[in-house]
Amino acid sequence: MLTGALAASWFALPIRAVEVTGERHLSAGRVRELAGLTPGFGWLYYGAWRARGLLDDPWVRSAVVTRHFPDAVTVQVNERQPVARWQKDNGTVVALAADGTVLPRLSEKDAELARLPLIQGWGPSRLPEALKVLTVLGGYNVESVAYTPTGLRAKMPAGSVWSGDLKSLLKYAGSIGMYPKQNINIYPWGVSVQE
């Protein structure tokens, strides 16, 4: 009898309406697919276990899935946004989110990605530091950040700033505003400004 009631509830309460909001890079159909919202699935049995696929997609930073009685589900997606391009050691260029997640390329968005700052370098990866530099210097129209074992250089349209130490660079980043068209080198013992 219990089995019959469970089976009846599956067919009596199917998901009939799905609303997807917040998607920008993913289509609403792709979000529904990732969330496991297939036609005819029982509303009563839909839960986090079924929506777990959303978190497997690199574009999805977070999602809230809400069931509405008797037959609707709303999916609110919070997508990662590309903040930089990263030239990997093998020469390929990929899009990065602020948390360092590599984002898949979407051909219709490639022109948008081409305008993002470029991060490149050699030696041990300093990618988290380069992303921090981009965040802190966001108001200065950073075109690129290059890292090496000896330091980080951020290039702006008419100048640059270099430091061997991220902490020093962040501490004296205000020097850029005082010398906007200069090349600034930040050392532990002081700041050098060159034209």
N, C-alpha and C. Protein backbone atom coordinates (compact mmCIF):
# COMPACT_ATOMS: atom_id res chain seq x y z
N MET A 1 0.82 -1.19 0.00
CA MET A 1 0.00 0.00 0.00
C MET A 1 0.88 1.26 0.00
N LEU A 2 1.93 1.24 0.84
CA LEU A 2 2.83 2.38 0.90
C LEU A 2 3.53 2.57 -0.44
N THR A 3 3.93 1.46 -1.05
CA THR A 3 4.59 1.53 -2.35
C THR A 3 3.66 2.14 -3.38
N GLY A 4 2.41 1.77 -3.35
CA GLY A 4 1.43 2.31 -4.28
C GLY A 4 1.23 3.80 -4.07
N ALA A 5 1.23 4.25 -2.81
CA ALA A 5 1.04 5.67 -2.51
C ALA A 5 2.25 6.47 -3.00
N LEU A 6 3.45 5.91 -2.81
CA LEU A 6 4.67 6.59 -3.26
C LEU A 6 4.68 6.70 -4.79
N ALA A 7 4.32 5.63 -5.46
CA ALA A 7 4.29 5.64 -6.92
C ALA A 7 3.23 6.62 -7.42
N ALA A 8 2.09 6.66 -6.76
CA ALA A 8 1.03 7.58 -7.16
C ALA A 8 1.48 9.03 -6.97
N SER A 9 2.22 9.31 -5.88
CA SER A 9 2.67 10.69 -5.64
C SER A 9 3.68 11.11 -6.71
N TRP A 10 4.44 10.16 -7.23
CA TRP A 10 5.40 10.48 -8.31
C TRP A 10 4.67 11.00 -9.53
N PHE A 11 3.62 10.29 -9.92
CA PHE A 11 2.88 10.65 -11.12
C PHE A 11 1.88 11.78 -10.88
N ALA A 12 1.38 11.90 -9.65
CA ALA A 12 0.39 12.93 -9.35
C ALA A 12 1.04 14.30 -9.18
N LEU A 13 2.32 14.34 -8.80
CA LEU A 13 3.00 15.61 -8.55
C LEU A 13 4.28 15.74 -9.39
N PRO A 14 4.19 15.69 -10.69
CA PRO A 14 5.40 15.88 -11.50
C PRO A 14 5.80 17.36 -11.52
N ILE A 15 7.06 17.61 -11.82
CA ILE A 15 7.51 18.99 -11.99
C ILE A 15 6.99 19.46 -13.35
N ARG A 16 6.20 20.51 -13.35
CA ARG A 16 5.61 21.02 -14.59
C ARG A 16 6.20 22.37 -14.99
N ALA A 17 6.67 23.13 -14.02
CA ALA A 17 7.18 24.47 -14.32
C ALA A 17 8.55 24.66 -13.69
N VAL A 18 9.49 25.16 -14.48
CA VAL A 18 10.84 25.43 -14.00
C VAL A 18 11.20 26.86 -14.40
N GLU A 19 11.61 27.66 -13.41
CA GLU A 19 12.06 29.01 -13.68
C GLU A 19 13.54 29.10 -13.34
N VAL A 20 14.33 29.58 -14.29
CA VAL A 20 15.78 29.75 -14.09
C VAL A 20 16.08 31.24 -14.13
N THR A 21 16.81 31.72 -13.13
CA THR A 21 17.20 33.13 -13.10
C THR A 21 18.69 33.25 -12.81
N GLY A 22 19.28 34.35 -13.23
CA GLY A 22 20.68 34.64 -12.94
C GLY A 22 21.68 34.08 -13.94
N GLU A 23 21.23 33.32 -14.91
CA GLU A 23 22.16 32.74 -15.88
C GLU A 23 22.59 33.80 -16.88
N ARG A 24 23.86 33.78 -17.20
CA ARG A 24 24.38 34.72 -18.19
C ARG A 24 25.19 33.96 -19.24
N HIS A 25 26.09 33.13 -18.81
CA HIS A 25 26.94 32.37 -19.73
C HIS A 25 26.33 31.01 -20.05
N LEU A 26 25.56 30.47 -19.14
CA LEU A 26 24.88 29.20 -19.36
C LEU A 26 23.47 29.47 -19.85
N SER A 27 22.95 28.58 -20.66
CA SER A 27 21.56 28.73 -21.09
C SER A 27 20.63 28.18 -20.00
N ALA A 28 19.39 28.60 -20.03
CA ALA A 28 18.42 28.10 -19.06
C ALA A 28 18.27 26.58 -19.22
N GLY A 29 18.33 26.10 -20.46
CA GLY A 29 18.23 24.66 -20.69
C GLY A 29 19.39 23.90 -20.07
N ARG A 30 20.59 24.46 -20.18
CA ARG A 30 21.77 23.81 -19.58
C ARG A 30 21.66 23.80 -18.06
N VAL A 31 21.14 24.88 -17.47
CA VAL A 31 20.95 24.93 -16.02
C VAL A 31 19.96 23.87 -15.59
N ARG A 32 18.86 23.74 -16.33
CA ARG A 32 17.86 22.70 -16.01
C ARG A 32 18.49 21.31 -16.09
N GLU A 33 19.31 21.10 -17.10
CA GLU A 33 19.97 19.80 -17.27
C GLU A 33 20.92 19.52 -16.10
N LEU A 34 21.74 20.52 -15.74
CA LEU A 34 22.68 20.35 -14.62
C LEU A 34 21.95 20.11 -13.30
N ALA A 35 20.78 20.74 -13.15
CA ALA A 35 20.00 20.60 -11.92
C ALA A 35 19.19 19.31 -11.89
N GLY A 36 19.25 18.54 -12.96
CA GLY A 36 18.52 17.27 -12.99
C GLY A 36 17.02 17.45 -13.10
N LEU A 37 16.59 18.55 -13.69
CA LEU A 37 15.17 18.84 -13.82
C LEU A 37 14.65 18.29 -15.14
N THR A 38 14.51 16.98 -15.18
CA THR A 38 14.03 16.32 -16.39
C THR A 38 12.51 16.27 -16.37
N PRO A 39 11.88 16.30 -17.52
CA PRO A 39 10.41 16.27 -17.58
C PRO A 39 9.86 15.03 -16.88
N GLY A 40 8.82 15.25 -16.11
CA GLY A 40 8.14 14.13 -15.47
C GLY A 40 8.75 13.68 -14.16
N PHE A 41 9.86 14.26 -13.74
CA PHE A 41 10.45 13.85 -12.46
C PHE A 41 9.52 14.29 -11.34
N GLY A 42 9.38 13.45 -10.32
CA GLY A 42 8.45 13.73 -9.22
C GLY A 42 8.89 14.91 -8.36
N TRP A 43 8.02 15.91 -8.25
CA TRP A 43 8.30 17.10 -7.46
C TRP A 43 8.62 16.76 -6.02
N LEU A 44 7.89 15.83 -5.46
CA LEU A 44 8.05 15.45 -4.06
C LEU A 44 9.43 14.87 -3.78
N TYR A 45 10.08 14.29 -4.79
CA TYR A 45 11.35 13.59 -4.59
C TYR A 45 12.55 14.42 -5.04
N TYR A 46 12.28 15.59 -5.60
CA TYR A 46 13.38 16.42 -6.07
C TYR A 46 14.07 17.08 -4.88
N GLY A 47 15.42 17.03 -4.85
CA GLY A 47 16.15 17.63 -3.74
C GLY A 47 17.59 17.93 -4.11
N ALA A 48 18.37 18.29 -3.11
CA ALA A 48 19.76 18.70 -3.31
C ALA A 48 20.58 17.61 -4.00
N TRP A 49 20.30 16.37 -3.70
CA TRP A 49 21.05 15.27 -4.34
C TRP A 49 20.89 15.30 -5.85
N ARG A 50 19.74 15.73 -6.30
CA ARG A 50 19.47 15.77 -7.74
C ARG A 50 20.10 17.01 -8.39
N ALA A 51 20.19 18.11 -7.64
CA ALA A 51 20.71 19.38 -8.16
C ALA A 51 22.23 19.50 -8.03
N ARG A 52 22.88 18.51 -7.49
CA ARG A 52 24.33 18.55 -7.23
C ARG A 52 25.15 18.81 -8.50
N GLY A 53 24.62 18.45 -9.65
CA GLY A 53 25.33 18.66 -10.91
C GLY A 53 25.62 20.12 -11.19
N LEU A 54 24.82 21.02 -10.62
CA LEU A 54 25.05 22.45 -10.81
C LEU A 54 26.44 22.85 -10.34
N LEU A 55 26.87 22.31 -9.22
CA LEU A 55 28.15 22.70 -8.63
C LEU A 55 29.35 22.09 -9.36
N ASP A 56 29.09 21.16 -10.27
CA ASP A 56 30.17 20.57 -11.06
C ASP A 56 30.56 21.44 -12.25
N ASP A 57 29.72 22.41 -12.61
CA ASP A 57 30.02 23.27 -13.74
C ASP A 57 30.86 24.45 -13.26
N PRO A 58 31.99 24.73 -13.94
CA PRO A 58 32.86 25.82 -13.48
C PRO A 58 32.21 27.20 -13.51
N TRP A 59 31.20 27.41 -14.36
CA TRP A 59 30.54 28.71 -14.39
C TRP A 59 29.70 28.96 -13.15
N VAL A 60 29.21 27.90 -12.49
CA VAL A 60 28.29 28.05 -11.36
C VAL A 60 29.08 28.21 -10.06
N ARG A 61 28.99 29.42 -9.48
CA ARG A 61 29.63 29.66 -8.18
C ARG A 61 28.73 29.14 -7.06
N SER A 62 27.44 29.41 -7.18
CA SER A 62 26.47 28.89 -6.22
C SER A 62 25.10 28.88 -6.87
N ALA A 63 24.19 28.17 -6.26
CA ALA A 63 22.82 28.09 -6.78
C ALA A 63 21.87 27.82 -5.62
N VAL A 64 20.69 28.38 -5.74
CA VAL A 64 19.63 28.12 -4.78
C VAL A 64 18.47 27.52 -5.56
N VAL A 65 18.06 26.33 -5.13
CA VAL A 65 16.95 25.63 -5.78
C VAL A 65 15.79 25.59 -4.79
N THR A 66 14.63 26.09 -5.23
CA THR A 66 13.46 26.16 -4.35
C THR A 66 12.29 25.44 -5.02
N ARG A 67 11.67 24.56 -4.26
CA ARG A 67 10.47 23.88 -4.75
C ARG A 67 9.25 24.67 -4.32
N HIS A 68 8.27 24.81 -5.23
CA HIS A 68 7.01 25.50 -4.94
C HIS A 68 5.88 24.51 -5.17
N PHE A 69 5.10 24.27 -4.12
CA PHE A 69 3.99 23.34 -4.22
C PHE A 69 2.95 23.87 -5.19
N PRO A 70 2.40 23.10 -6.05
CA PRO A 70 2.48 21.65 -6.13
C PRO A 70 3.40 21.13 -7.23
N ASP A 71 3.91 22.01 -8.16
CA ASP A 71 4.60 21.43 -9.31
C ASP A 71 5.70 22.31 -9.91
N ALA A 72 6.22 23.27 -9.15
CA ALA A 72 7.19 24.21 -9.72
C ALA A 72 8.52 24.18 -8.96
N VAL A 73 9.57 24.52 -9.69
CA VAL A 73 10.91 24.62 -9.12
C VAL A 73 11.56 25.89 -9.68
N THR A 74 12.20 26.65 -8.81
CA THR A 74 12.94 27.84 -9.22
C THR A 74 14.43 27.59 -8.96
N VAL A 75 15.26 27.90 -9.94
CA VAL A 75 16.71 27.77 -9.80
C VAL A 75 17.33 29.16 -9.96
N GLN A 76 17.91 29.68 -8.88
CA GLN A 76 18.61 30.96 -8.91
C GLN A 76 20.10 30.66 -8.99
N VAL A 77 20.73 31.01 -10.12
CA VAL A 77 22.13 30.70 -10.35
C VAL A 77 22.97 31.96 -10.11
N ASN A 78 24.08 31.79 -9.42
CA ASN A 78 25.06 32.85 -9.24
C ASN A 78 26.31 32.40 -9.98
N GLU A 79 26.54 32.98 -11.16
CA GLU A 79 27.65 32.54 -12.01
C GLU A 79 28.95 33.25 -11.67
N ARG A 80 30.05 32.55 -11.91
CA ARG A 80 31.35 33.20 -11.86
C ARG A 80 31.47 34.10 -13.08
N GLN A 81 32.22 35.17 -12.93
CA GLN A 81 32.45 36.08 -14.04
C GLN A 81 33.92 36.06 -14.41
N PRO A 82 34.25 36.10 -15.67
CA PRO A 82 35.66 36.15 -16.06
C PRO A 82 36.26 37.51 -15.70
N VAL A 83 37.43 37.48 -15.05
CA VAL A 83 38.10 38.73 -14.66
C VAL A 83 39.45 38.89 -15.34
N ALA A 84 39.97 37.79 -15.89
CA ALA A 84 41.29 37.84 -16.52
C ALA A 84 41.45 36.69 -17.49
N ARG A 85 42.47 36.86 -18.37
CA ARG A 85 42.92 35.76 -19.22
C ARG A 85 44.26 35.31 -18.66
N TRP A 86 44.52 34.01 -18.70
CA TRP A 86 45.78 33.47 -18.19
C TRP A 86 46.47 32.69 -19.29
N GLN A 87 47.69 33.08 -19.61
CA GLN A 87 48.47 32.34 -20.60
C GLN A 87 49.23 31.27 -19.84
N LYS A 88 48.84 30.02 -20.06
CA LYS A 88 49.45 28.90 -19.37
C LYS A 88 50.84 28.62 -19.93
N ASP A 89 51.58 27.76 -19.25
CA ASP A 89 52.95 27.43 -19.67
C ASP A 89 53.02 26.89 -21.09
N ASN A 90 51.97 26.20 -21.53
CA ASN A 90 51.98 25.63 -22.88
C ASN A 90 51.54 26.64 -23.95
N GLY A 91 51.26 27.89 -23.54
CA GLY A 91 50.90 28.94 -24.48
C GLY A 91 49.41 29.14 -24.69
N THR A 92 48.58 28.21 -24.24
CA THR A 92 47.14 28.38 -24.39
C THR A 92 46.65 29.47 -23.44
N VAL A 93 45.63 30.17 -23.87
CA VAL A 93 45.05 31.24 -23.05
C VAL A 93 43.66 30.82 -22.62
N VAL A 94 43.39 30.90 -21.31
CA VAL A 94 42.10 30.52 -20.76
C VAL A 94 41.54 31.69 -19.95
N ALA A 95 40.23 31.67 -19.77
CA ALA A 95 39.56 32.69 -18.95
C ALA A 95 39.59 32.25 -17.50
N LEU A 96 39.76 33.23 -16.60
CA LEU A 96 39.80 32.96 -15.16
C LEU A 96 38.74 33.75 -14.42
N ALA A 97 38.17 33.13 -13.39
CA ALA A 97 37.30 33.84 -12.45
C ALA A 97 38.18 34.40 -11.34
N ALA A 98 37.62 35.25 -10.50
CA ALA A 98 38.38 35.89 -9.42
C ALA A 98 38.95 34.87 -8.44
N ASP A 99 38.30 33.72 -8.28
CA ASP A 99 38.79 32.70 -7.36
C ASP A 99 39.81 31.75 -8.00
N GLY A 100 40.19 32.02 -9.26
CA GLY A 100 41.18 31.20 -9.95
C GLY A 100 40.61 30.06 -10.75
N THR A 101 39.30 29.89 -10.76
CA THR A 101 38.67 28.82 -11.53
C THR A 101 38.83 29.10 -13.02
N VAL A 102 39.30 28.09 -13.74
CA VAL A 102 39.41 28.19 -15.20
C VAL A 102 38.02 28.01 -15.78
N LEU A 103 37.61 28.99 -16.59
CA LEU A 103 36.27 28.96 -17.17
C LEU A 103 36.33 28.50 -18.62
N PRO A 104 35.35 27.69 -19.04
CA PRO A 104 35.33 27.23 -20.43
C PRO A 104 35.11 28.40 -21.38
N ARG A 105 35.68 28.31 -22.55
CA ARG A 105 35.52 29.36 -23.56
C ARG A 105 34.16 29.20 -24.23
N LEU A 106 33.53 30.31 -24.45
CA LEU A 106 32.29 30.33 -25.21
C LEU A 106 32.53 31.22 -26.40
N SER A 107 32.38 30.68 -27.61
CA SER A 107 32.77 31.41 -28.81
C SER A 107 32.11 32.78 -28.92
N GLU A 108 30.83 32.89 -28.50
CA GLU A 108 30.16 34.18 -28.63
C GLU A 108 30.69 35.19 -27.62
N LYS A 109 31.42 34.75 -26.62
CA LYS A 109 31.95 35.66 -25.59
C LYS A 109 33.45 35.92 -25.76
N ASP A 110 34.08 35.33 -26.79
CA ASP A 110 35.53 35.48 -26.95
C ASP A 110 35.96 36.93 -27.13
N ALA A 111 35.15 37.74 -27.79
CA ALA A 111 35.49 39.16 -27.97
C ALA A 111 35.50 39.86 -26.61
N GLU A 112 34.57 39.49 -25.74
CA GLU A 112 34.52 40.04 -24.39
C GLU A 112 35.77 39.63 -23.61
N LEU A 113 36.16 38.38 -23.76
CA LEU A 113 37.33 37.88 -23.03
C LEU A 113 38.63 38.53 -23.51
N ALA A 114 38.69 38.88 -24.79
CA ALA A 114 39.90 39.49 -25.34
C ALA A 114 40.19 40.84 -24.70
N ARG A 115 39.19 41.48 -24.12
CA ARG A 115 39.39 42.78 -23.48
C ARG A 115 39.85 42.65 -22.03
N LEU A 116 39.87 41.45 -21.48
CA LEU A 116 40.27 41.25 -20.09
C LEU A 116 41.80 41.32 -19.95
N PRO A 117 42.29 41.71 -18.76
CA PRO A 117 43.74 41.73 -18.53
C PRO A 117 44.35 40.34 -18.72
N LEU A 118 45.58 40.32 -19.18
CA LEU A 118 46.30 39.06 -19.42
C LEU A 118 47.27 38.80 -18.28
N ILE A 119 47.22 37.60 -17.73
CA ILE A 119 48.19 37.16 -16.71
C ILE A 119 49.09 36.16 -17.39
N GLN A 120 50.40 36.37 -17.24
CA GLN A 120 51.37 35.42 -17.80
C GLN A 120 52.61 35.43 -16.93
N GLY A 121 53.39 34.40 -17.07
CA GLY A 121 54.62 34.35 -16.28
C GLY A 121 55.34 33.04 -16.47
N TRP A 122 56.40 32.92 -15.72
CA TRP A 122 57.19 31.69 -15.77
C TRP A 122 57.70 31.41 -14.36
N GLY A 123 58.15 30.19 -14.18
CA GLY A 123 58.60 29.76 -12.86
C GLY A 123 57.43 29.24 -12.06
N PRO A 124 57.60 29.14 -10.75
CA PRO A 124 56.49 28.67 -9.91
C PRO A 124 55.27 29.58 -10.10
N SER A 125 54.12 28.97 -10.16
CA SER A 125 52.89 29.75 -10.40
C SER A 125 52.65 30.74 -9.27
N ARG A 126 52.40 31.97 -9.66
CA ARG A 126 52.01 33.02 -8.72
C ARG A 126 50.63 33.56 -9.11
N LEU A 127 49.83 32.65 -9.64
CA LEU A 127 48.51 33.02 -10.13
C LEU A 127 47.63 33.66 -9.04
N PRO A 128 47.54 33.09 -7.83
CA PRO A 128 46.72 33.74 -6.81
C PRO A 128 47.19 35.16 -6.49
N GLU A 129 48.50 35.38 -6.49
CA GLU A 129 49.04 36.71 -6.24
C GLU A 129 48.69 37.65 -7.39
N ALA A 130 48.80 37.17 -8.62
CA ALA A 130 48.47 38.00 -9.79
C ALA A 130 46.99 38.40 -9.76
N LEU A 131 46.12 37.48 -9.39
CA LEU A 131 44.70 37.80 -9.29
C LEU A 131 44.45 38.82 -8.18
N LYS A 132 45.18 38.72 -7.09
CA LYS A 132 45.05 39.70 -6.00
C LYS A 132 45.48 41.09 -6.49
N VAL A 133 46.57 41.16 -7.26
CA VAL A 133 47.03 42.43 -7.83
C VAL A 133 45.93 43.03 -8.71
N LEU A 134 45.31 42.21 -9.55
CA LEU A 134 44.23 42.70 -10.41
C LEU A 134 43.07 43.25 -9.59
N THR A 135 42.74 42.58 -8.51
CA THR A 135 41.64 43.02 -7.66
C THR A 135 41.96 44.36 -7.02
N VAL A 136 43.15 44.46 -6.44
CA VAL A 136 43.53 45.68 -5.73
C VAL A 136 43.72 46.86 -6.67
N LEU A 137 44.28 46.61 -7.85
CA LEU A 137 44.54 47.68 -8.80
C LEU A 137 43.43 47.83 -9.84
N GLY A 138 42.26 47.31 -9.55
CA GLY A 138 41.16 47.31 -10.50
C GLY A 138 40.80 48.68 -11.06
N GLY A 139 40.96 49.73 -10.30
CA GLY A 139 40.61 51.06 -10.76
C GLY A 139 41.65 51.71 -11.65
N TYR A 140 42.75 51.02 -11.92
CA TYR A 140 43.83 51.61 -12.72
C TYR A 140 43.90 51.05 -14.14
N ASN A 141 42.88 50.34 -14.60
CA ASN A 141 42.84 49.79 -15.97
C ASN A 141 44.06 48.93 -16.28
N VAL A 142 44.32 47.96 -15.43
CA VAL A 142 45.45 47.07 -15.62
C VAL A 142 45.25 46.28 -16.91
N GLU A 143 46.28 46.31 -17.78
CA GLU A 143 46.24 45.57 -19.04
C GLU A 143 46.82 44.17 -18.89
N SER A 144 47.85 44.05 -18.05
CA SER A 144 48.47 42.74 -17.87
C SER A 144 49.20 42.68 -16.54
N VAL A 145 49.38 41.45 -16.06
CA VAL A 145 50.19 41.17 -14.88
C VAL A 145 51.13 40.05 -15.27
N ALA A 146 52.42 40.30 -15.09
CA ALA A 146 53.43 39.28 -15.38
C ALA A 146 54.10 38.88 -14.07
N TYR A 147 54.28 37.57 -13.89
CA TYR A 147 54.97 37.10 -12.68
C TYR A 147 56.20 36.31 -13.07
N THR A 148 57.21 36.42 -12.23
CA THR A 148 58.45 35.66 -12.34
C THR A 148 58.82 35.24 -10.92
N PRO A 149 59.85 34.42 -10.76
CA PRO A 149 60.27 34.08 -9.41
C PRO A 149 60.72 35.31 -8.60
N THR A 150 61.09 36.39 -9.29
CA THR A 150 61.60 37.56 -8.57
C THR A 150 60.54 38.62 -8.31
N GLY A 151 59.35 38.54 -8.92
CA GLY A 151 58.36 39.57 -8.64
C GLY A 151 57.16 39.56 -9.56
N LEU A 152 56.36 40.61 -9.39
CA LEU A 152 55.13 40.81 -10.15
C LEU A 152 55.15 42.19 -10.78
N ARG A 153 54.74 42.28 -12.05
CA ARG A 153 54.66 43.58 -12.73
C ARG A 153 53.26 43.73 -13.30
N ALA A 154 52.61 44.83 -12.91
CA ALA A 154 51.30 45.18 -13.47
C ALA A 154 51.51 46.31 -14.45
N LYS A 155 51.01 46.13 -15.68
CA LYS A 155 51.16 47.15 -16.71
C LYS A 155 49.81 47.83 -16.93
N MET A 156 49.84 49.16 -16.87
CA MET A 156 48.67 49.98 -17.14
C MET A 156 48.85 50.63 -18.52
N PRO A 157 47.86 51.35 -19.03
CA PRO A 157 48.00 51.95 -20.37
C PRO A 157 49.22 52.86 -20.52
N ALA A 158 49.63 53.55 -19.46
CA ALA A 158 50.73 54.50 -19.61
C ALA A 158 51.79 54.36 -18.53
N GLY A 159 51.93 53.21 -17.93
CA GLY A 159 52.94 53.02 -16.90
C GLY A 159 52.86 51.60 -16.36
N SER A 160 53.67 51.34 -15.33
CA SER A 160 53.65 50.01 -14.73
C SER A 160 54.09 50.10 -13.27
N VAL A 161 53.85 49.03 -12.56
CA VAL A 161 54.32 48.92 -11.18
C VAL A 161 54.87 47.51 -10.99
N TRP A 162 56.06 47.43 -10.34
CA TRP A 162 56.70 46.15 -10.09
C TRP A 162 57.05 46.07 -8.62
N SER A 163 57.00 44.85 -8.10
CA SER A 163 57.50 44.59 -6.76
C SER A 163 57.87 43.12 -6.65
N GLY A 164 58.88 42.86 -5.87
CA GLY A 164 59.29 41.48 -5.61
C GLY A 164 58.41 40.82 -4.58
N ASP A 165 57.62 41.63 -3.88
CA ASP A 165 56.82 41.12 -2.77
C ASP A 165 55.39 41.64 -2.90
N LEU A 166 54.43 40.75 -2.88
CA LEU A 166 53.03 41.13 -3.00
C LEU A 166 52.62 42.08 -1.88
N LYS A 167 53.06 41.81 -0.69
CA LYS A 167 52.69 42.65 0.46
C LYS A 167 53.14 44.10 0.25
N SER A 168 54.37 44.29 -0.21
CA SER A 168 54.88 45.64 -0.47
C SER A 168 54.12 46.30 -1.60
N LEU A 169 53.82 45.53 -2.64
CA LEU A 169 53.09 46.08 -3.78
C LEU A 169 51.72 46.58 -3.34
N LEU A 170 51.05 45.80 -2.53
CA LEU A 170 49.72 46.19 -2.07
C LEU A 170 49.79 47.38 -1.12
N LYS A 171 50.85 47.43 -0.31
CA LYS A 171 51.02 48.52 0.65
C LYS A 171 51.24 49.86 -0.05
N TYR A 172 52.05 49.86 -1.10
CA TYR A 172 52.40 51.11 -1.77
C TYR A 172 51.70 51.30 -3.11
N ALA A 173 50.62 50.59 -3.33
CA ALA A 173 49.89 50.69 -4.60
C ALA A 173 49.37 52.10 -4.86
N GLY A 174 49.20 52.88 -3.82
CA GLY A 174 48.73 54.26 -3.98
C GLY A 174 49.71 55.13 -4.76
N SER A 175 50.95 54.70 -4.86
CA SER A 175 51.95 55.46 -5.64
C SER A 175 51.53 55.59 -7.10
N ILE A 176 50.73 54.66 -7.58
CA ILE A 176 50.30 54.69 -8.97
C ILE A 176 49.49 55.96 -9.22
N GLY A 177 48.63 56.32 -8.27
CA GLY A 177 47.81 57.52 -8.42
C GLY A 177 48.64 58.79 -8.44
N MET A 178 49.75 58.79 -7.72
CA MET A 178 50.62 59.98 -7.67
C MET A 178 51.48 60.09 -8.92
N TYR A 179 51.82 58.95 -9.53
CA TYR A 179 52.68 58.92 -10.71
C TYR A 179 52.03 58.06 -11.79
N PRO A 180 50.91 58.50 -12.37
CA PRO A 180 50.13 57.63 -13.26
C PRO A 180 50.81 57.22 -14.56
N LYS A 181 51.75 58.00 -15.06
CA LYS A 181 52.38 57.67 -16.34
C LYS A 181 53.84 57.28 -16.18
N GLN A 182 54.16 56.73 -15.03
CA GLN A 182 55.54 56.37 -14.71
C GLN A 182 55.65 54.86 -14.50
N ASN A 183 56.88 54.39 -14.53
CA ASN A 183 57.18 53.01 -14.16
C ASN A 183 57.66 53.02 -12.72
N ILE A 184 56.93 52.34 -11.86
CA ILE A 184 57.21 52.36 -10.43
C ILE A 184 57.75 51.00 -10.02
N ASN A 185 58.87 51.01 -9.29
CA ASN A 185 59.44 49.79 -8.74
C ASN A 185 59.41 49.92 -7.22
N ILE A 186 58.81 48.94 -6.57
CA ILE A 186 58.67 48.96 -5.12
C ILE A 186 59.62 47.93 -4.53
N TYR A 187 60.53 48.41 -3.68
CA TYR A 187 61.52 47.58 -3.00
C TYR A 187 61.24 47.59 -1.51
N PRO A 188 61.81 46.66 -0.76
CA PRO A 188 61.60 46.68 0.69
C PRO A 188 62.10 47.97 1.34
N TRP A 189 63.07 48.63 0.71
CA TRP A 189 63.67 49.83 1.29
C TRP A 189 63.12 51.13 0.70
N GLY A 190 62.21 51.05 -0.29
CA GLY A 190 61.66 52.28 -0.84
C GLY A 190 61.04 52.09 -2.20
N VAL A 191 60.67 53.21 -2.80
CA VAL A 191 59.98 53.22 -4.09
C VAL A 191 60.82 54.01 -5.08
N SER A 192 60.97 53.45 -6.28
CA SER A 192 61.71 54.11 -7.35
C SER A 192 60.72 54.44 -8.46
N VAL A 193 60.79 55.71 -8.96
CA VAL A 193 59.88 56.14 -10.02
C VAL A 193 60.73 56.49 -11.23
N GLN A 194 60.40 55.88 -12.37
CA GLN A 194 61.13 56.13 -13.61
C GLN A 194 60.16 56.55 -14.71
N GLU A 195 60.65 57.40 -15.61
CA GLU A 195 59.81 57.82 -16.74
C GLU A 195 59.98 56.87 -17.88
